[in-house]
Amino acid sequence: METTTENFSSALFIWQTLMILALILPIIALIDILRNDFKDNNKLIWILVVLFTNLVGVLLYLMYGTKQKISKKIA
């Protein structure tokens, strides 16, 4: 069996990249959610959205959730 670049599939590479992003991005979003404070009960809501909707939830959190963070004042 010969390994050459002819056997390399670009579709496979794209699929593997998407799968890695589908694993890493929700973890990054969850870490960001847990480290910050949110208005009202939004922290729990964003955790559930990211956990149950995966990539769509991460995109929603990045678009809308980051605006709901409570800014920390440095004294």
PDB file of N, CA and C in Angstrom:
ATOM      1  N   MET A   1       0.843  -1.175   0.000  1.00  0.00           N
ATOM      2  CA  MET A   1       0.000   0.000   0.000  1.00  0.00           C
ATOM      3  C   MET A   1       0.886   1.235   0.000  1.00  0.00           C
ATOM      4  N   GLU A   2       0.635   2.099  -0.914  1.00  0.00           N
ATOM      5  CA  GLU A   2       1.470   3.276  -1.090  1.00  0.00           C
ATOM      6  C   GLU A   2       0.749   4.524  -0.599  1.00  0.00           C
ATOM      7  N   THR A   3       1.431   5.331   0.195  1.00  0.00           N
ATOM      8  CA  THR A   3       0.854   6.565   0.709  1.00  0.00           C
ATOM      9  C   THR A   3       1.352   7.713  -0.155  1.00  0.00           C
ATOM     10  N   THR A   4       0.411   8.369  -0.798  1.00  0.00           N
ATOM     11  CA  THR A   4       0.757   9.513  -1.642  1.00  0.00           C
ATOM     12  C   THR A   4      -0.230  10.635  -1.386  1.00  0.00           C
ATOM     13  N   THR A   5       0.069  11.771  -1.940  1.00  0.00           N
ATOM     14  CA  THR A   5      -0.843  12.908  -1.800  1.00  0.00           C
ATOM     15  C   THR A   5      -2.081  12.735  -2.669  1.00  0.00           C
ATOM     16  N   GLU A   6      -2.048  11.775  -3.606  1.00  0.00           N
ATOM     17  CA  GLU A   6      -3.220  11.525  -4.435  1.00  0.00           C
ATOM     18  C   GLU A   6      -4.359  10.950  -3.605  1.00  0.00           C
ATOM     19  N   ASN A   7      -4.036  10.264  -2.511  1.00  0.00           N
ATOM     20  CA  ASN A   7      -5.046   9.660  -1.671  1.00  0.00           C
ATOM     21  C   ASN A   7      -5.651  10.652  -0.685  1.00  0.00           C
ATOM     22  N   PHE A   8      -5.044  11.812  -0.572  1.00  0.00           N
ATOM     23  CA  PHE A   8      -5.513  12.809   0.379  1.00  0.00           C
ATOM     24  C   PHE A   8      -6.804  13.431  -0.126  1.00  0.00           C
ATOM     25  N   SER A   9      -7.793  13.437   0.718  1.00  0.00           N
ATOM     26  CA  SER A   9      -9.081  13.999   0.344  1.00  0.00           C
ATOM     27  C   SER A   9      -9.266  15.338   1.055  1.00  0.00           C
ATOM     28  N   SER A  10      -9.526  16.372   0.294  1.00  0.00           N
ATOM     29  CA  SER A  10      -9.736  17.681   0.909  1.00  0.00           C
ATOM     30  C   SER A  10     -11.051  17.706   1.692  1.00  0.00           C
ATOM     31  N   ALA A  11     -12.021  16.933   1.250  1.00  0.00           N
ATOM     32  CA  ALA A  11     -13.284  16.869   1.981  1.00  0.00           C
ATOM     33  C   ALA A  11     -13.080  16.241   3.354  1.00  0.00           C
ATOM     34  N   LEU A  12     -12.215  15.242   3.438  1.00  0.00           N
ATOM     35  CA  LEU A  12     -11.915  14.618   4.721  1.00  0.00           C
ATOM     36  C   LEU A  12     -11.228  15.609   5.654  1.00  0.00           C
ATOM     37  N   PHE A  13     -10.321  16.402   5.130  1.00  0.00           N
ATOM     38  CA  PHE A  13      -9.628  17.414   5.921  1.00  0.00           C
ATOM     39  C   PHE A  13     -10.610  18.448   6.460  1.00  0.00           C
ATOM     40  N   ILE A  14     -11.531  18.891   5.625  1.00  0.00           N
ATOM     41  CA  ILE A  14     -12.529  19.868   6.053  1.00  0.00           C
ATOM     42  C   ILE A  14     -13.429  19.259   7.122  1.00  0.00           C
ATOM     43  N   TRP A  15     -13.846  18.016   6.934  1.00  0.00           N
ATOM     44  CA  TRP A  15     -14.689  17.333   7.905  1.00  0.00           C
ATOM     45  C   TRP A  15     -13.985  17.196   9.252  1.00  0.00           C
ATOM     46  N   GLN A  16     -12.723  16.811   9.238  1.00  0.00           N
ATOM     47  CA  GLN A  16     -11.965  16.664  10.483  1.00  0.00           C
ATOM     48  C   GLN A  16     -11.782  18.012  11.174  1.00  0.00           C
ATOM     49  N   THR A  17     -11.554  19.057  10.421  1.00  0.00           N
ATOM     50  CA  THR A  17     -11.412  20.394  11.000  1.00  0.00           C
ATOM     51  C   THR A  17     -12.712  20.832  11.663  1.00  0.00           C
ATOM     52  N   LEU A  18     -13.832  20.593  11.016  1.00  0.00           N
ATOM     53  CA  LEU A  18     -15.124  20.951  11.602  1.00  0.00           C
ATOM     54  C   LEU A  18     -15.404  20.151  12.874  1.00  0.00           C
ATOM     55  N   MET A  19     -15.029  18.894  12.877  1.00  0.00           N
ATOM     56  CA  MET A  19     -15.240  18.068  14.065  1.00  0.00           C
ATOM     57  C   MET A  19     -14.386  18.547  15.238  1.00  0.00           C
ATOM     58  N   ILE A  20     -13.159  18.930  14.968  1.00  0.00           N
ATOM     59  CA  ILE A  20     -12.288  19.458  16.025  1.00  0.00           C
ATOM     60  C   ILE A  20     -12.858  20.773  16.564  1.00  0.00           C
ATOM     61  N   LEU A  21     -13.330  21.639  15.666  1.00  0.00           N
ATOM     62  CA  LEU A  21     -13.936  22.899  16.108  1.00  0.00           C
ATOM     63  C   LEU A  21     -15.204  22.643  16.914  1.00  0.00           C
ATOM     64  N   ALA A  22     -15.970  21.622  16.522  1.00  0.00           N
ATOM     65  CA  ALA A  22     -17.200  21.298  17.243  1.00  0.00           C
ATOM     66  C   ALA A  22     -16.895  20.802  18.652  1.00  0.00           C
ATOM     67  N   LEU A  23     -15.710  20.301  18.885  1.00  0.00           N
ATOM     68  CA  LEU A  23     -15.322  19.862  20.227  1.00  0.00           C
ATOM     69  C   LEU A  23     -14.683  20.982  21.044  1.00  0.00           C
ATOM     70  N   ILE A  24     -13.893  21.816  20.400  1.00  0.00           N
ATOM     71  CA  ILE A  24     -13.105  22.819  21.122  1.00  0.00           C
ATOM     72  C   ILE A  24     -13.897  24.099  21.407  1.00  0.00           C
ATOM     73  N   LEU A  25     -14.658  24.596  20.435  1.00  0.00           N
ATOM     74  CA  LEU A  25     -15.359  25.875  20.617  1.00  0.00           C
ATOM     75  C   LEU A  25     -16.362  25.863  21.765  1.00  0.00           C
ATOM     76  N   PRO A  26     -17.167  24.816  21.943  1.00  0.00           N
ATOM     77  CA  PRO A  26     -18.064  24.828  23.110  1.00  0.00           C
ATOM     78  C   PRO A  26     -17.316  24.823  24.440  1.00  0.00           C
ATOM     79  N   ILE A  27     -16.183  24.155  24.496  1.00  0.00           N
ATOM     80  CA  ILE A  27     -15.388  24.150  25.730  1.00  0.00           C
ATOM     81  C   ILE A  27     -14.878  25.554  26.028  1.00  0.00           C
ATOM     82  N   ILE A  28     -14.389  26.239  25.006  1.00  0.00           N
ATOM     83  CA  ILE A  28     -13.902  27.607  25.187  1.00  0.00           C
ATOM     84  C   ILE A  28     -15.048  28.524  25.628  1.00  0.00           C
ATOM     85  N   ALA A  29     -16.208  28.374  24.999  1.00  0.00           N
ATOM     86  CA  ALA A  29     -17.367  29.204  25.364  1.00  0.00           C
ATOM     87  C   ALA A  29     -17.810  28.927  26.793  1.00  0.00           C
ATOM     88  N   LEU A  30     -17.827  27.660  27.196  1.00  0.00           N
ATOM     89  CA  LEU A  30     -18.234  27.323  28.563  1.00  0.00           C
ATOM     90  C   LEU A  30     -17.259  27.885  29.590  1.00  0.00           C
ATOM     91  N   ILE A  31     -15.983  27.837  29.298  1.00  0.00           N
ATOM     92  CA  ILE A  31     -14.993  28.416  30.208  1.00  0.00           C
ATOM     93  C   ILE A  31     -15.223  29.922  30.336  1.00  0.00           C
ATOM     94  N   ASP A  32     -15.488  30.592  29.222  1.00  0.00           N
ATOM     95  CA  ASP A  32     -15.733  32.031  29.256  1.00  0.00           C
ATOM     96  C   ASP A  32     -17.003  32.345  30.042  1.00  0.00           C
ATOM     97  N   ILE A  33     -18.040  31.543  29.875  1.00  0.00           N
ATOM     98  CA  ILE A  33     -19.288  31.762  30.606  1.00  0.00           C
ATOM     99  C   ILE A  33     -19.067  31.589  32.106  1.00  0.00           C
ATOM    100  N   LEU A  34     -18.357  30.549  32.483  1.00  0.00           N
ATOM    101  CA  LEU A  34     -18.158  30.269  33.903  1.00  0.00           C
ATOM    102  C   LEU A  34     -17.254  31.292  34.591  1.00  0.00           C
ATOM    103  N   ARG A  35     -16.357  31.912  33.862  1.00  0.00           N
ATOM    104  CA  ARG A  35     -15.432  32.892  34.451  1.00  0.00           C
ATOM    105  C   ARG A  35     -16.028  34.284  34.609  1.00  0.00           C
ATOM    106  N   ASN A  36     -17.134  34.562  33.947  1.00  0.00           N
ATOM    107  CA  ASN A  36     -17.712  35.907  33.962  1.00  0.00           C
ATOM    108  C   ASN A  36     -19.061  35.919  34.664  1.00  0.00           C
ATOM    109  N   ASP A  37     -19.468  37.117  35.082  1.00  0.00           N
ATOM    110  CA  ASP A  37     -20.779  37.317  35.691  1.00  0.00           C
ATOM    111  C   ASP A  37     -21.728  37.882  34.640  1.00  0.00           C
ATOM    112  N   PHE A  38     -22.995  37.504  34.767  1.00  0.00           N
ATOM    113  CA  PHE A  38     -24.012  37.941  33.818  1.00  0.00           C
ATOM    114  C   PHE A  38     -25.170  38.577  34.563  1.00  0.00           C
ATOM    115  N   LYS A  39     -25.973  39.335  33.825  1.00  0.00           N
ATOM    116  CA  LYS A  39     -27.178  39.938  34.378  1.00  0.00           C
ATOM    117  C   LYS A  39     -28.195  38.836  34.662  1.00  0.00           C
ATOM    118  N   ASP A  40     -28.955  39.006  35.715  1.00  0.00           N
ATOM    119  CA  ASP A  40     -30.033  38.099  36.107  1.00  0.00           C
ATOM    120  C   ASP A  40     -29.564  36.647  36.185  1.00  0.00           C
ATOM    121  N   ASN A  41     -30.285  35.749  35.534  1.00  0.00           N
ATOM    122  CA  ASN A  41     -29.989  34.321  35.574  1.00  0.00           C
ATOM    123  C   ASN A  41     -29.415  33.850  34.226  1.00  0.00           C
ATOM    124  N   ASN A  42     -28.790  34.747  33.507  1.00  0.00           N
ATOM    125  CA  ASN A  42     -28.347  34.450  32.150  1.00  0.00           C
ATOM    126  C   ASN A  42     -27.188  33.466  32.074  1.00  0.00           C
ATOM    127  N   LYS A  43     -26.414  33.334  33.130  1.00  0.00           N
ATOM    128  CA  LYS A  43     -25.293  32.398  33.102  1.00  0.00           C
ATOM    129  C   LYS A  43     -25.796  30.975  32.887  1.00  0.00           C
ATOM    130  N   LEU A  44     -26.797  30.569  33.645  1.00  0.00           N
ATOM    131  CA  LEU A  44     -27.361  29.229  33.513  1.00  0.00           C
ATOM    132  C   LEU A  44     -27.982  29.033  32.133  1.00  0.00           C
ATOM    133  N   ILE A  45     -28.657  30.039  31.640  1.00  0.00           N
ATOM    134  CA  ILE A  45     -29.291  29.945  30.321  1.00  0.00           C
ATOM    135  C   ILE A  45     -28.238  29.762  29.237  1.00  0.00           C
ATOM    136  N   TRP A  46     -27.147  30.529  29.280  1.00  0.00           N
ATOM    137  CA  TRP A  46     -26.106  30.398  28.264  1.00  0.00           C
ATOM    138  C   TRP A  46     -25.386  29.061  28.352  1.00  0.00           C
ATOM    139  N   ILE A  47     -25.200  28.547  29.546  1.00  0.00           N
ATOM    140  CA  ILE A  47     -24.591  27.216  29.683  1.00  0.00           C
ATOM    141  C   ILE A  47     -25.473  26.171  29.012  1.00  0.00           C
ATOM    142  N   LEU A  48     -26.771  26.226  29.251  1.00  0.00           N
ATOM    143  CA  LEU A  48     -27.682  25.263  28.638  1.00  0.00           C
ATOM    144  C   LEU A  48     -27.745  25.412  27.122  1.00  0.00           C
ATOM    145  N   VAL A  49     -27.744  26.648  26.643  1.00  0.00           N
ATOM    146  CA  VAL A  49     -27.773  26.879  25.195  1.00  0.00           C
ATOM    147  C   VAL A  49     -26.529  26.292  24.533  1.00  0.00           C
ATOM    148  N   VAL A  50     -25.359  26.531  25.100  1.00  0.00           N
ATOM    149  CA  VAL A  50     -24.113  26.023  24.512  1.00  0.00           C
ATOM    150  C   VAL A  50     -24.052  24.500  24.593  1.00  0.00           C
ATOM    151  N   LEU A  51     -24.494  23.940  25.699  1.00  0.00           N
ATOM    152  CA  LEU A  51     -24.435  22.484  25.846  1.00  0.00           C
ATOM    153  C   LEU A  51     -25.386  21.752  24.896  1.00  0.00           C
ATOM    154  N   PHE A  52     -26.588  22.260  24.725  1.00  0.00           N
ATOM    155  CA  PHE A  52     -27.592  21.536  23.950  1.00  0.00           C
ATOM    156  C   PHE A  52     -27.608  21.873  22.465  1.00  0.00           C
ATOM    157  N   THR A  53     -27.031  22.987  22.064  1.00  0.00           N
ATOM    158  CA  THR A  53     -27.068  23.342  20.647  1.00  0.00           C
ATOM    159  C   THR A  53     -25.689  23.410  20.002  1.00  0.00           C
ATOM    160  N   ASN A  54     -24.658  23.100  20.753  1.00  0.00           N
ATOM    161  CA  ASN A  54     -23.288  22.985  20.274  1.00  0.00           C
ATOM    162  C   ASN A  54     -22.833  24.197  19.454  1.00  0.00           C
ATOM    163  N   LEU A  55     -22.514  24.041  18.174  1.00  0.00           N
ATOM    164  CA  LEU A  55     -21.938  25.133  17.393  1.00  0.00           C
ATOM    165  C   LEU A  55     -22.895  26.301  17.222  1.00  0.00           C
ATOM    166  N   VAL A  56     -24.170  26.027  17.055  1.00  0.00           N
ATOM    167  CA  VAL A  56     -25.156  27.109  16.932  1.00  0.00           C
ATOM    168  C   VAL A  56     -25.201  27.899  18.237  1.00  0.00           C
ATOM    169  N   GLY A  57     -25.154  27.196  19.358  1.00  0.00           N
ATOM    170  CA  GLY A  57     -25.155  27.862  20.656  1.00  0.00           C
ATOM    171  C   GLY A  57     -23.920  28.712  20.870  1.00  0.00           C
ATOM    172  N   VAL A  58     -22.775  28.224  20.408  1.00  0.00           N
ATOM    173  CA  VAL A  58     -21.534  29.004  20.525  1.00  0.00           C
ATOM    174  C   VAL A  58     -21.641  30.276  19.700  1.00  0.00           C
ATOM    175  N   LEU A  59     -22.158  30.163  18.494  1.00  0.00           N
ATOM    176  CA  LEU A  59     -22.309  31.353  17.648  1.00  0.00           C
ATOM    177  C   LEU A  59     -23.293  32.345  18.262  1.00  0.00           C
ATOM    178  N   LEU A  60     -24.402  31.839  18.814  1.00  0.00           N
ATOM    179  CA  LEU A  60     -25.354  32.722  19.485  1.00  0.00           C
ATOM    180  C   LEU A  60     -24.717  33.402  20.687  1.00  0.00           C
ATOM    181  N   TYR A  61     -23.949  32.637  21.459  1.00  0.00           N
ATOM    182  CA  TYR A  61     -23.284  33.220  22.628  1.00  0.00           C
ATOM    183  C   TYR A  61     -22.294  34.306  22.207  1.00  0.00           C
ATOM    184  N   LEU A  62     -21.530  34.053  21.157  1.00  0.00           N
ATOM    185  CA  LEU A  62     -20.552  35.046  20.718  1.00  0.00           C
ATOM    186  C   LEU A  62     -21.229  36.308  20.186  1.00  0.00           C
ATOM    187  N   MET A  63     -22.401  36.150  19.556  1.00  0.00           N
ATOM    188  CA  MET A  63     -23.094  37.317  19.006  1.00  0.00           C
ATOM    189  C   MET A  63     -23.863  38.096  20.069  1.00  0.00           C
ATOM    190  N   TYR A  64     -24.556  37.386  20.978  1.00  0.00           N
ATOM    191  CA  TYR A  64     -25.452  38.057  21.916  1.00  0.00           C
ATOM    192  C   TYR A  64     -25.026  37.941  23.379  1.00  0.00           C
ATOM    193  N   GLY A  65     -24.453  36.826  23.748  1.00  0.00           N
ATOM    194  CA  GLY A  65     -24.144  36.575  25.155  1.00  0.00           C
ATOM    195  C   GLY A  65     -23.018  37.419  25.699  1.00  0.00           C
ATOM    196  N   THR A  66     -22.033  37.714  24.873  1.00  0.00           N
ATOM    197  CA  THR A  66     -20.906  38.507  25.363  1.00  0.00           C
ATOM    198  C   THR A  66     -21.324  39.939  25.693  1.00  0.00           C
ATOM    199  N   LYS A  67     -22.439  40.399  25.127  1.00  0.00           N
ATOM    200  CA  LYS A  67     -22.941  41.745  25.424  1.00  0.00           C
ATOM    201  C   LYS A  67     -23.640  41.800  26.777  1.00  0.00           C
ATOM    202  N   GLN A  68     -23.994  40.637  27.337  1.00  0.00           N
ATOM    203  CA  GLN A  68     -24.731  40.592  28.597  1.00  0.00           C
ATOM    204  C   GLN A  68     -23.823  40.442  29.808  1.00  0.00           C
ATOM    205  N   LYS A  69     -22.533  40.419  29.584  1.00  0.00           N
ATOM    206  CA  LYS A  69     -21.597  40.279  30.705  1.00  0.00           C
ATOM    207  C   LYS A  69     -21.607  41.541  31.551  1.00  0.00           C
ATOM    208  N   ILE A  70     -21.381  41.358  32.832  1.00  0.00           N
ATOM    209  CA  ILE A  70     -21.237  42.477  33.743  1.00  0.00           C
ATOM    210  C   ILE A  70     -19.756  42.811  33.805  1.00  0.00           C
ATOM    211  N   SER A  71     -19.425  44.059  33.461  1.00  0.00           N
ATOM    212  CA  SER A  71     -18.025  44.449  33.452  1.00  0.00           C
ATOM    213  C   SER A  71     -17.513  44.595  34.886  1.00  0.00           C
ATOM    214  N   LYS A  72     -16.318  44.084  35.097  1.00  0.00           N
ATOM    215  CA  LYS A  72     -15.703  44.156  36.419  1.00  0.00           C
ATOM    216  C   LYS A  72     -14.901  45.447  36.514  1.00  0.00           C
ATOM    217  N   LYS A  73     -15.135  46.212  37.588  1.00  0.00           N
ATOM    218  CA  LYS A  73     -14.414  47.451  37.777  1.00  0.00           C
ATOM    219  C   LYS A  73     -13.149  47.177  38.552  1.00  0.00           C
ATOM    220  N   ILE A  74     -12.037  47.641  38.038  1.00  0.00           N
ATOM    221  CA  ILE A  74     -10.753  47.466  38.716  1.00  0.00           C
ATOM    222  C   ILE A  74     -10.498  48.704  39.569  1.00  0.00           C
ATOM    223  N   ALA A  75     -10.316  48.501  40.863  1.00  0.00           N
ATOM    224  CA  ALA A  75     -10.137  49.623  41.780  1.00  0.00           C
ATOM    225  C   ALA A  75      -8.708  50.084  41.823  1.00  0.00           C
TER     226      ALA A  75
END
